[in-house]
Protein backbone atom coordinates (compact mmCIF):
# COMPACT_ATOMS: atom_id res chain seq x y z
CA MET A 1 165.27 140.02 147.41
CA SER A 2 163.55 143.19 145.88
CA VAL A 3 164.61 146.30 146.34
CA ARG A 4 162.07 149.79 146.14
CA GLY A 5 162.97 152.52 146.90
CA ASN A 6 174.88 160.95 139.36
CA HIS A 7 187.42 158.01 137.76
CA SER A 8 189.96 158.68 136.66
CA SER A 9 192.47 158.02 134.30
CA GLY A 10 193.71 161.42 134.10
CA LYS A 11 194.95 163.03 137.33
CA PRO A 12 192.12 165.44 138.04
CA TYR A 13 193.04 167.69 141.05
CA ARG A 14 191.24 169.17 143.67
CA ARG A 15 190.88 172.71 145.56
CA ARG A 16 188.67 172.66 148.83
CA ASN A 17 186.28 175.39 147.98
CA ARG A 18 184.64 174.57 144.46
CA ALA A 19 181.94 172.02 142.58
CA ARG A 20 178.98 170.78 140.26
CA LEU A 21 175.53 169.89 140.13
CA ALA A 22 173.68 166.96 140.13
CA THR A 23 170.45 165.94 138.16
CA VAL A 24 167.66 166.74 140.43
CA ALA A 25 165.20 163.73 140.42
CA VAL A 26 162.10 162.57 142.31
CA VAL A 27 161.40 158.88 143.35
CA ALA A 28 159.74 157.14 146.08
CA VAL A 29 161.45 156.47 148.85
CA GLY A 30 162.09 152.66 149.71
CA THR A 31 163.40 150.49 152.82
CA LEU A 32 164.81 147.23 152.34
CA LEU A 33 165.80 144.84 154.84
CA PHE A 34 167.64 141.66 154.48
CA THR A 35 170.40 139.47 155.96
CA ALA A 36 173.75 139.90 154.82
CA CYS A 37 177.07 139.36 156.20
CA SER A 38 180.34 141.30 154.00
CA ALA A 39 183.25 139.86 156.05
CA PRO A 40 184.67 137.09 158.63
CA SER A 41 183.42 137.02 161.98
CA SER A 42 186.12 138.42 163.37
CA THR A 43 186.47 142.11 163.40
CA SER A 44 190.07 142.15 163.16
CA THR A 45 191.28 143.75 160.00
CA GLY A 46 195.07 144.86 160.89
CA LYS A 47 197.72 144.17 163.39
CA ASP A 48 195.94 146.47 165.99
CA THR A 49 192.92 147.47 163.98
CA LYS A 50 189.55 146.86 165.48
CA LEU A 51 186.32 147.93 163.83
CA SER A 52 183.37 147.92 165.05
CA ASN A 53 180.34 145.43 164.26
CA SER A 54 177.02 145.92 165.89
CA GLY A 55 173.88 146.31 164.43
CA PRO A 56 172.62 146.43 160.44
CA LEU A 57 174.74 148.09 158.14
CA SER A 58 172.39 150.99 156.72
CA ILE A 59 173.32 152.42 153.28
CA THR A 60 171.23 155.55 151.81
CA TRP A 61 171.48 157.42 148.47
CA TYR A 62 170.19 160.09 146.26
CA GLY A 63 168.97 159.27 142.57
CA SER A 64 166.20 158.95 139.96
CA ASP A 65 164.29 156.28 139.88
CA ALA A 66 166.80 153.90 137.41
CA ARG A 67 169.19 155.52 138.97
CA ASN A 68 168.23 154.19 142.56
CA GLN A 69 167.01 150.50 141.30
CA LEU A 70 170.44 149.58 139.83
CA VAL A 71 172.51 150.96 142.95
CA ALA A 72 169.75 148.72 145.46
CA GLN A 73 171.08 145.86 143.00
CA VAL A 74 174.68 146.51 143.98
CA VAL A 75 173.72 146.37 147.85
CA SER A 76 171.16 143.29 146.81
CA ASP A 77 174.22 141.19 145.04
CA PHE A 78 176.83 142.38 148.16
CA GLY A 79 174.09 140.59 150.36
CA ALA A 80 173.68 138.30 148.61
CA LYS A 81 177.16 137.09 148.43
CA ASN A 82 177.71 137.81 152.50
CA PRO A 83 174.68 136.31 153.95
CA SER A 84 174.40 137.15 157.13
CA VAL A 85 174.55 141.32 157.85
CA LYS A 86 170.71 142.49 158.30
CA ILE A 87 171.19 145.38 155.67
CA GLU A 88 168.77 148.51 155.47
CA THR A 89 168.01 151.20 152.40
CA SER A 90 166.75 154.13 152.38
CA PRO A 91 167.42 155.87 148.97
CA THR A 92 165.53 159.10 147.85
CA ALA A 93 165.50 161.94 145.22
CA PHE A 94 168.60 164.24 145.42
CA ALA A 95 166.19 167.24 145.63
CA THR A 96 165.34 166.18 149.14
CA TYR A 97 168.32 163.92 150.40
CA TRP A 98 170.55 166.64 151.72
CA ASP A 99 167.94 168.24 154.13
CA ARG A 100 167.11 164.38 155.57
CA VAL A 101 170.92 163.59 155.92
CA SER A 102 171.45 167.33 157.03
CA VAL A 103 168.59 166.25 160.12
CA GLN A 104 169.84 163.09 160.83
CA ALA A 105 173.45 164.30 160.80
CA ALA A 106 172.51 166.43 163.19
CA GLY A 107 170.79 164.29 165.48
CA LYS A 108 173.59 161.30 165.34
CA SER A 109 171.62 159.12 162.90
CA LEU A 110 172.79 159.56 160.19
CA ALA A 111 173.22 156.04 158.09
CA CYS A 112 176.38 153.77 158.66
CA VAL A 113 177.05 154.62 154.66
CA PRO A 114 175.96 158.12 153.25
CA THR A 115 176.19 159.24 149.40
CA MET A 116 178.25 162.00 149.52
CA GLN A 117 178.90 164.72 146.60
CA THR A 118 181.95 167.02 145.64
CA ARG A 119 179.41 170.26 146.36
CA TYR A 120 177.91 169.23 149.94
CA GLU A 121 180.21 166.77 151.97
CA ALA A 122 182.27 169.40 153.23
CA LYS A 123 179.37 170.65 155.47
CA PHE A 124 179.24 166.95 156.55
CA GLU A 125 183.45 167.02 156.82
CA ASN A 126 183.70 170.05 159.00
CA LYS A 127 180.84 169.21 161.46
CA GLY A 128 182.53 165.56 162.34
CA SER A 129 179.89 163.86 161.28
CA LEU A 130 181.87 161.31 159.28
CA LEU A 131 184.22 159.14 160.15
CA PRO A 132 188.28 159.70 158.87
CA LEU A 133 188.84 156.32 156.51
CA ASP A 134 192.88 156.98 156.17
CA ALA A 135 193.24 154.19 158.33
CA LEU A 136 191.08 151.58 156.57
CA VAL A 137 193.16 152.99 153.60
CA LYS A 138 196.14 152.56 154.96
CA ASP A 139 195.48 148.77 156.27
CA GLY A 140 193.97 147.70 153.43
CA THR A 141 190.81 147.20 154.15
CA ILE A 142 189.03 149.96 152.18
CA ASP A 143 191.16 149.14 148.76
CA VAL A 144 192.16 152.75 146.93
CA SER A 145 194.95 151.61 144.94
CA LYS A 146 193.43 151.36 141.61
CA ILE A 147 191.90 154.85 141.71
CA SER A 148 194.12 157.99 140.87
CA ARG A 149 196.64 158.99 143.61
CA ASN A 150 196.06 162.76 142.78
CA SER A 151 191.65 161.95 143.08
CA ILE A 152 192.48 160.14 146.62
CA LYS A 153 195.08 163.32 147.58
CA ASN A 154 192.39 165.44 146.57
CA GLN A 155 189.11 164.21 148.24
CA LYS A 156 190.48 164.73 151.44
CA GLY A 157 189.13 167.50 153.70
CA SER A 158 190.41 170.75 155.31
CA ASP A 159 191.97 169.38 157.57
CA GLY A 160 194.24 166.58 155.36
CA LYS A 161 192.07 163.97 156.87
CA LEU A 162 190.21 161.36 154.23
CA TYR A 163 186.54 161.43 154.50
CA ALA A 164 185.08 159.76 151.52
CA ILE A 165 185.77 157.07 148.79
CA PRO A 166 184.93 158.29 145.25
CA TYR A 167 182.42 155.70 143.40
CA GLY A 168 181.22 157.98 140.11
CA TYR A 169 182.93 160.81 138.42
CA TRP A 170 181.00 163.07 136.46
CA PHE A 171 181.50 166.11 134.24
CA GLU A 172 179.18 169.24 132.37
CA GLY A 173 179.50 169.40 128.76
CA ALA A 174 177.82 171.29 126.08
CA VAL A 175 175.38 169.05 123.86
CA TYR A 176 174.81 169.52 120.52
CA ASN A 177 172.08 168.20 118.09
CA GLU A 178 175.03 167.12 115.18
CA THR A 179 172.02 165.75 112.59
CA ALA A 180 170.11 169.10 112.85
CA ILE A 181 173.17 171.36 112.54
CA LYS A 182 174.26 169.32 109.52
CA GLY A 183 170.87 169.09 108.70
CA VAL A 184 171.00 173.39 107.76
CA GLY A 185 174.42 173.22 106.44
CA ALA A 186 175.52 174.78 109.69
CA SER A 187 179.12 174.49 110.98
CA LEU A 188 179.70 172.30 114.28
CA PRO A 189 180.88 173.86 117.58
CA LYS A 190 184.30 173.55 118.59
CA ALA A 191 186.13 171.71 121.43
CA ASN A 192 188.19 174.86 122.00
CA TRP A 193 185.05 177.38 122.33
CA GLY A 194 183.83 179.47 125.14
CA TRP A 195 180.00 181.08 125.66
CA SER A 196 180.59 183.81 123.44
CA ASP A 197 181.68 181.93 120.19
CA TYR A 198 178.62 179.89 121.29
CA VAL A 199 176.32 182.48 120.74
CA ASP A 200 178.13 184.55 117.86
CA TRP A 201 178.01 180.64 116.17
CA ALA A 202 174.20 180.82 117.22
CA LYS A 203 173.56 184.13 115.33
CA THR A 204 174.67 182.86 112.44
CA VAL A 205 172.33 178.98 112.34
CA GLN A 206 169.23 180.98 113.58
CA PRO A 207 167.91 182.34 110.34
CA LYS A 208 168.21 179.22 109.03
CA LEU A 209 165.80 177.03 111.51
CA ALA A 210 162.46 177.09 111.60
CA SER A 211 160.07 178.54 113.19
CA GLY A 212 159.86 177.33 117.05
CA THR A 213 163.73 176.37 116.98
CA TYR A 214 166.42 178.01 118.45
CA ALA A 215 169.64 177.52 117.81
CA LEU A 216 170.86 177.59 121.09
CA GLY A 217 169.56 176.91 124.78
CA ASP A 218 169.33 179.83 127.84
CA ARG A 219 172.42 179.14 129.78
CA GLY A 220 172.26 182.66 131.39
CA GLY A 221 170.72 181.03 134.83
CA GLN A 222 172.90 178.11 135.34
CA ILE A 223 175.82 178.91 137.61
CA THR A 224 177.63 175.63 136.88
CA GLN A 225 177.49 177.42 133.11
CA PHE A 226 178.83 180.87 134.42
CA GLN A 227 182.16 178.94 136.07
CA SER A 228 182.82 177.82 132.69
CA PHE A 229 183.03 182.02 131.59
CA ALA A 230 184.76 182.67 134.87
CA LEU A 231 187.48 180.06 134.31
CA GLN A 232 187.84 181.09 130.62
CA HIS A 233 188.83 184.55 132.00
CA GLY A 234 191.39 183.38 134.96
CA GLU A 235 188.58 183.56 137.77
CA ASP A 236 186.60 180.88 139.55
CA LEU A 237 182.98 180.13 141.64
CA PHE A 238 184.89 180.65 144.74
CA GLY A 239 187.87 182.58 146.45
CA LYS A 240 188.96 182.30 150.00
CA ASN A 241 186.11 183.89 151.57
CA LYS A 242 184.43 185.83 148.95
CA VAL A 243 183.57 184.77 145.27
CA GLY A 244 186.39 184.19 142.80
CA PHE A 245 185.67 186.16 140.15
CA THR A 246 184.79 189.78 139.18
CA THR A 247 181.70 192.23 139.14
CA LYS A 248 182.82 192.60 135.62
CA THR A 249 182.82 189.41 134.85
CA LEU A 250 179.57 188.47 135.80
CA THR A 251 177.75 191.55 134.41
CA ASP A 252 179.37 190.34 130.72
CA TRP A 253 177.83 186.97 131.64
CA PHE A 254 174.06 188.26 131.98
CA THR A 255 174.86 190.42 129.32
CA LEU A 256 175.95 188.18 126.89
CA TRP A 257 172.72 185.88 127.67
CA ASN A 258 170.13 188.84 127.87
CA ASP A 259 171.39 190.45 124.45
CA ALA A 260 171.64 186.19 122.93
CA ARG A 261 167.92 186.61 124.22
CA LYS A 262 167.03 189.89 122.31
CA ALA A 263 168.54 188.73 118.96
CA GLY A 264 166.00 185.60 119.17
CA VAL A 265 168.95 182.84 119.11
CA VAL A 266 167.35 181.44 122.78
CA PRO A 267 163.84 180.51 123.61
CA THR A 268 161.98 183.23 125.40
CA ALA A 269 162.43 183.77 129.21
CA ASP A 270 159.08 181.99 129.46
CA MET A 271 160.38 178.53 127.61
CA THR A 272 163.62 178.88 129.64
CA ALA A 273 161.57 179.07 132.91
CA GLN A 274 159.39 176.62 132.20
CA ASP A 275 162.63 174.20 130.95
CA GLN A 276 164.52 174.46 133.97
CA ASN A 277 162.56 172.03 136.20
CA ALA A 278 161.95 169.83 132.58
CA PRO A 279 163.35 166.25 133.42
CA THR A 280 166.27 165.66 131.03
CA SER A 281 163.78 163.36 128.63
CA ALA A 282 161.63 166.06 128.57
CA ASN A 283 163.88 169.10 127.70
CA LEU A 284 164.24 171.61 125.07
CA LEU A 285 167.06 169.93 123.55
CA ALA A 286 165.60 166.15 123.97
CA LYS A 287 162.36 167.60 121.99
CA GLY A 288 164.57 169.30 119.57
CA ASN A 289 163.48 173.04 119.75
CA VAL A 290 166.96 173.88 120.36
CA LEU A 291 170.05 172.49 118.75
CA VAL A 292 172.75 173.39 121.88
CA SER A 293 172.68 173.17 125.47
CA SER A 294 174.21 172.20 128.30
CA THR A 295 174.53 169.20 130.90
CA GLY A 296 176.16 166.42 132.70
CA ASP A 297 177.47 163.60 130.60
CA ASN A 298 174.91 160.98 132.42
CA ASN A 299 171.86 162.96 131.20
CA VAL A 300 172.97 162.85 127.62
CA ALA A 301 171.28 158.92 127.15
CA ASP A 302 167.98 159.99 128.38
CA SER A 303 167.55 163.68 126.08
CA GLN A 304 169.09 160.76 123.27
CA LYS A 305 166.15 158.45 123.95
CA ALA A 306 163.72 160.49 123.67
CA LEU A 307 165.35 162.50 120.53
CA SER A 308 165.17 159.35 118.41
CA ALA A 309 161.61 158.40 119.79
CA ILE A 310 160.87 161.11 117.32
CA ASN A 311 163.80 161.20 114.64
CA GLY A 312 164.90 163.82 116.47
CA GLY A 313 168.62 163.48 115.69
CA THR A 314 171.83 162.31 117.21
CA LEU A 315 173.35 164.40 120.34
CA GLN A 316 177.33 164.88 120.86
CA MET A 317 178.84 165.88 123.71
CA VAL A 318 181.71 167.86 124.15
CA GLY A 319 183.90 169.51 127.59
CA SER A 320 182.70 172.83 129.23
CA PRO A 321 182.85 176.17 126.93
CA THR A 322 186.11 177.13 128.76
CA GLY A 323 187.46 178.93 125.47
CA GLY A 324 190.45 175.65 126.04
CA LYS A 325 190.71 176.10 129.78
CA PRO A 326 190.70 172.96 132.03
CA GLN A 327 187.87 172.53 133.26
CA VAL A 328 186.30 171.33 136.67
CA VAL A 329 184.93 167.60 137.22
CA GLY A 330 182.37 166.43 139.98
CA SER A 331 182.66 163.34 142.70
CA ASN A 332 180.06 161.19 143.90
CA SER A 333 181.48 159.54 147.07
CA TRP A 334 180.66 156.84 150.08
CA ALA A 335 181.26 157.88 153.82
CA ILE A 336 180.94 156.14 157.00
CA SER A 337 178.81 158.51 159.53
CA SER A 338 180.63 159.04 162.99
CA ASN A 339 177.85 157.28 164.67
CA CYS A 340 177.98 154.05 162.73
CA THR A 341 178.23 151.02 164.82
CA ASN A 342 179.11 149.18 161.87
CA VAL A 343 182.20 150.04 160.77
CA LYS A 344 183.61 146.67 159.76
CA ASP A 345 180.06 145.97 157.36
CA ALA A 346 180.41 149.23 156.00
CA ALA A 347 184.27 149.24 155.10
CA ALA A 348 183.89 145.92 153.34
CA PHE A 349 180.27 147.42 151.31
CA ILE A 350 182.47 150.49 150.14
CA ASN A 351 185.36 148.03 149.29
CA TYR A 352 182.91 145.73 147.39
CA PHE A 353 181.32 148.94 145.30
CA VAL A 354 184.54 150.36 144.00
CA ASN A 355 186.70 147.35 143.72
CA THR A 356 184.48 144.86 141.83
CA PRO A 357 183.85 145.12 138.16
CA SER A 358 180.70 143.65 137.76
CA VAL A 359 179.42 146.55 139.65
CA ALA A 360 180.58 148.85 137.02
CA THR A 361 178.62 146.88 134.54
CA THR A 362 175.42 146.86 136.64
CA LEU A 363 175.02 150.53 137.34
CA GLN A 364 175.82 151.26 133.83
CA ALA A 365 177.44 154.63 134.91
CA GLN A 366 174.32 155.57 136.51
CA THR A 367 176.53 156.45 139.64
CA GLY A 368 179.31 158.33 137.73
CA LEU A 369 182.07 156.93 135.47
CA PRO A 370 183.93 154.23 137.87
CA VAL A 371 186.99 155.29 139.78
CA ASP A 372 189.11 152.12 139.12
CA ASN A 373 191.29 152.67 136.13
CA SER A 374 191.35 149.38 134.92
CA ILE A 375 187.31 149.03 135.28
CA MET A 376 187.17 152.02 133.21
CA ASN A 377 189.78 150.72 130.64
CA ALA A 378 187.97 147.58 130.46
CA GLU A 379 184.61 149.13 129.54
CA LEU A 380 185.93 151.36 127.01
CA ASN A 381 187.52 147.90 125.14
CA ASP A 382 184.70 146.00 125.66
CA SER A 383 182.73 145.71 122.59
CA SER A 384 179.45 144.85 124.96
CA THR A 385 179.58 148.65 126.01
CA ASP A 386 177.03 150.88 125.35
CA PRO A 387 178.87 153.31 122.91
CA ALA A 388 177.45 156.29 124.59
CA ILE A 389 179.57 155.28 127.85
CA LYS A 390 182.35 154.88 125.92
CA ALA A 391 182.12 158.07 124.46
CA ARG A 392 181.85 159.51 127.98
CA ILE A 393 184.67 157.69 129.45
CA SER A 394 187.04 159.06 126.12
CA LEU A 395 185.95 162.74 126.67
CA PHE A 396 186.57 162.18 130.49
CA GLN A 397 190.00 160.78 129.74
CA ASP A 398 190.17 163.80 127.28
CA ILE A 399 189.70 166.12 129.99
CA SER A 400 191.22 164.94 132.74
CA LYS A 401 194.91 164.94 130.33
CA ALA A 402 193.76 168.35 129.85
CA GLY A 403 194.26 169.23 133.39
CA ALA A 404 190.57 169.26 134.58
CA ARG A 405 190.28 169.55 138.57
CA VAL A 406 187.75 168.24 141.23
CA ASP A 407 185.45 170.65 142.10
CA VAL A 408 184.36 171.05 145.87
CA TRP A 409 181.82 173.61 147.47
CA PRO A 410 182.31 175.41 150.23
CA ASP A 411 179.84 174.90 153.26
CA LYS A 412 176.70 177.26 152.79
CA THR A 413 177.19 177.81 148.89
CA GLN A 414 175.01 175.69 148.00
CA SER A 415 171.85 178.06 148.14
CA LEU A 416 173.81 180.49 145.28
CA VAL A 417 172.36 177.96 142.52
CA ASN A 418 168.77 179.18 142.99
CA LEU A 419 169.63 182.66 144.22
CA PHE A 420 172.10 182.63 140.20
CA GLU A 421 169.22 181.16 138.62
CA ASN A 422 166.67 183.66 140.30
CA THR A 423 168.80 186.80 139.75
CA TYR A 424 168.95 186.11 136.00
CA GLU A 425 165.15 185.10 135.92
CA GLN A 426 164.64 188.65 137.70
CA ILE A 427 166.61 190.21 134.53
CA ALA A 428 164.75 188.32 132.08
CA PHE A 429 161.79 189.21 132.60
CA GLY A 430 162.91 192.93 133.05
CA LYS A 431 161.84 193.35 136.49
CA THR A 432 165.59 194.25 137.68
CA SER A 433 168.60 195.53 135.77
CA ILE A 434 171.30 193.46 134.99
CA ALA A 435 174.04 196.05 137.69
CA ASN A 436 171.25 195.68 140.28
CA GLY A 437 170.90 191.82 139.71
CA VAL A 438 175.12 191.76 139.89
CA LYS A 439 175.19 194.07 142.81
CA ALA A 440 172.20 191.70 145.06
CA PHE A 441 174.32 188.59 143.61
CA MET A 442 177.41 189.53 144.92
CA GLU A 443 176.36 191.00 148.44
CA GLN A 444 174.51 187.73 149.39
CA ALA A 445 177.56 185.19 147.93
CA ASN A 446 179.65 186.84 149.58
CA THR A 447 178.09 187.20 152.97
CA ALA A 448 177.45 183.15 152.49
CA LEU A 449 180.60 183.07 152.08
CA ALA A 450 181.82 184.68 154.39
CA GLY A 451 180.17 182.18 156.81
CA PHE A 452 177.53 184.60 158.07
């Protein structure tokens, strides 16, 4: 069969009004139809539970080309093991995924098994597009016994029901070029730093660098990095029907990066604007033009591969710059649509995906770190596991033990990502003042959170 087509050993907890950004990647959309079946012909999975078992098993997800191919391989393996169900797949890029599934959900034509993510899932839960999974978990149809109990508890919707089963956990952090930093005799960043510490450090390092190389990437337009800054100051992105941070905190954030740019320790506004849309294999960090930046844990390998190709150094990752305060993590998950007519096979697929050790081996952590604690620990202790994946697991376990929580954003806030970036860009190019930019952002963000 051919296919065409981004956990927890700690105890992260979830608050309904929170999340993080996944990598945007563009791939061609493909569809696979093949024959497979996941369970005995009977539709009984418990004492009195009867599940629908009609029609094809349709599955949709997002990702980069490499990621989508690996997920498609898992789907193919599932089909090969269970030879009588017709499976239809429709992978796509993250950038186009959410608009597409929103339209499908509105038309009650959403795939049986859609991928969800902690920044976007609340919309689908609140509008009744997803099937509650509590009964399937209770009777063992979907086994979550090896997933952190807190993770499952915190995955529940605002109504207390479970709509999504996590299959991969991810987190953001600061990434630095250890080789390049040591090469100029500078001290390495510390894990408990905040972004202000990084800027201060950059001012001492910049004089040692060659022209065209910068100590620090400009993260002023990244709302997820601002979240780290807010957490350090005892605040957060979202409160109840309004932002969870003060005007002063946002003003301090934009001022920090505006001053860093004027000091020449971060790239020019033009360079930063161009870098925003660059793939992780071709951004300024991957090309060796900056020594420190930030990204999701699953992106470091792509940047390292490109950096190694030019003998540019070795990348290391530490937690988010929260000044030692607990950071946030996110999850990718599977759900079952409320319009699905083949719940039996949908549930069997989710159970297979989450609980089969060979799935983790195939995925190579492209969809996030395994949610099954035993699988995660087995990968950590396996000599054949990629050292980069081991490093991600170890760091994840460290930040989990430190109190990291699963971050879920409320609906209608996803647009704030671009609004935040655009606001900072206006400031960086001198088209608006920090005061006016902050005022405009606060007004628009609070309007979105108030539901208007």
